[in-house]
Amino acid sequence: MARKAEVVFRQTVNSKNGLVDEVKILQSTPYRELSELAVEALLQWQFKPGAASPVKMLVEFAIQGSNRILH
């Protein structure tokens, strides 16, 4: 059975070009590596110029396997 981990992020979007300038973790999980990888991915997002900012987002991870180690 999969375990779930939820992380809440806040993205600051540049209104001129739609690029994400900053990502903050508002609520983390015990899986620090998952949160850090999600931040890296969210920094690559691009919104339409003029998009509302900040953007609050919930990301849910489904974790399977009890003996896996993240590196």
Protein backbone atom coordinates (compact mmCIF):
# COMPACT_ATOMS: atom_id res chain seq x y z
CA MET A 1 0.00 0.00 0.00
CA ALA A 2 1.28 3.46 -0.89
CA ARG A 3 1.95 6.06 1.78
CA LYS A 4 1.11 9.65 0.94
CA ALA A 5 3.16 12.72 1.69
CA GLU A 6 1.87 16.24 1.09
CA VAL A 7 3.93 19.39 0.65
CA VAL A 8 2.60 22.93 0.32
CA PHE A 9 4.60 25.42 -1.74
CA ARG A 10 4.32 29.12 -2.57
CA GLN A 11 5.66 30.22 -5.93
CA THR A 12 6.48 33.86 -6.65
CA VAL A 13 5.87 34.53 -10.34
CA ASN A 14 7.52 37.37 -12.28
CA SER A 15 4.61 39.30 -13.80
CA LYS A 16 6.67 40.49 -16.79
CA ASN A 17 7.92 37.16 -18.12
CA GLY A 18 5.90 34.53 -16.20
CA LEU A 19 9.00 32.81 -14.83
CA VAL A 20 9.06 31.53 -11.26
CA ASP A 21 11.44 33.72 -9.25
CA GLU A 22 11.14 31.89 -5.93
CA VAL A 23 9.64 28.78 -4.37
CA LYS A 24 9.10 28.50 -0.63
CA ILE A 25 8.09 25.39 1.27
CA LEU A 26 5.18 26.30 3.53
CA GLN A 27 4.50 22.77 4.83
CA SER A 28 7.01 19.96 4.42
CA THR A 29 7.11 16.23 5.01
CA PRO A 30 9.67 13.98 6.70
CA TYR A 31 10.95 13.27 3.16
CA ARG A 32 13.19 16.33 2.74
CA GLU A 33 14.62 15.04 -0.55
CA LEU A 34 11.16 14.93 -2.16
CA SER A 35 10.50 18.52 -1.17
CA GLU A 36 13.86 19.67 -2.54
CA LEU A 37 13.33 17.87 -5.86
CA ALA A 38 9.87 19.39 -6.15
CA VAL A 39 11.33 22.88 -5.57
CA GLU A 40 13.82 22.29 -8.40
CA ALA A 41 10.98 21.23 -10.70
CA LEU A 42 8.71 24.14 -9.74
CA LEU A 43 11.50 26.64 -10.44
CA GLN A 44 11.39 25.46 -14.06
CA TRP A 45 7.70 26.27 -14.52
CA GLN A 46 6.56 29.22 -16.58
CA PHE A 47 3.22 30.99 -16.36
CA LYS A 48 1.65 33.44 -18.77
CA PRO A 49 3.03 36.97 -18.29
CA GLY A 50 0.76 38.90 -15.94
CA ALA A 51 -0.27 35.77 -14.01
CA ALA A 52 -1.39 36.31 -10.43
CA SER A 53 1.32 35.86 -7.83
CA PRO A 54 2.03 34.27 -5.43
CA VAL A 55 0.71 30.84 -6.36
CA LYS A 56 0.04 28.44 -3.46
CA MET A 57 0.20 24.79 -4.43
CA LEU A 58 -0.30 21.42 -2.76
CA VAL A 59 1.81 18.55 -4.12
CA GLU A 60 0.97 15.01 -3.06
CA PHE A 61 3.50 12.19 -3.33
CA ALA A 62 2.52 8.51 -3.27
CA ILE A 63 5.36 6.48 -1.80
CA GLN A 64 5.56 2.74 -2.40
CA GLY A 65 8.10 0.27 -1.06
CA SER A 66 9.27 0.16 2.51
CA ASN A 67 13.00 -0.35 2.01
CA ARG A 68 13.81 2.36 -0.51
CA ILE A 69 16.39 4.99 0.29
CA LEU A 70 16.46 8.34 -1.51
CA HIS A 71 19.85 9.74 -2.41
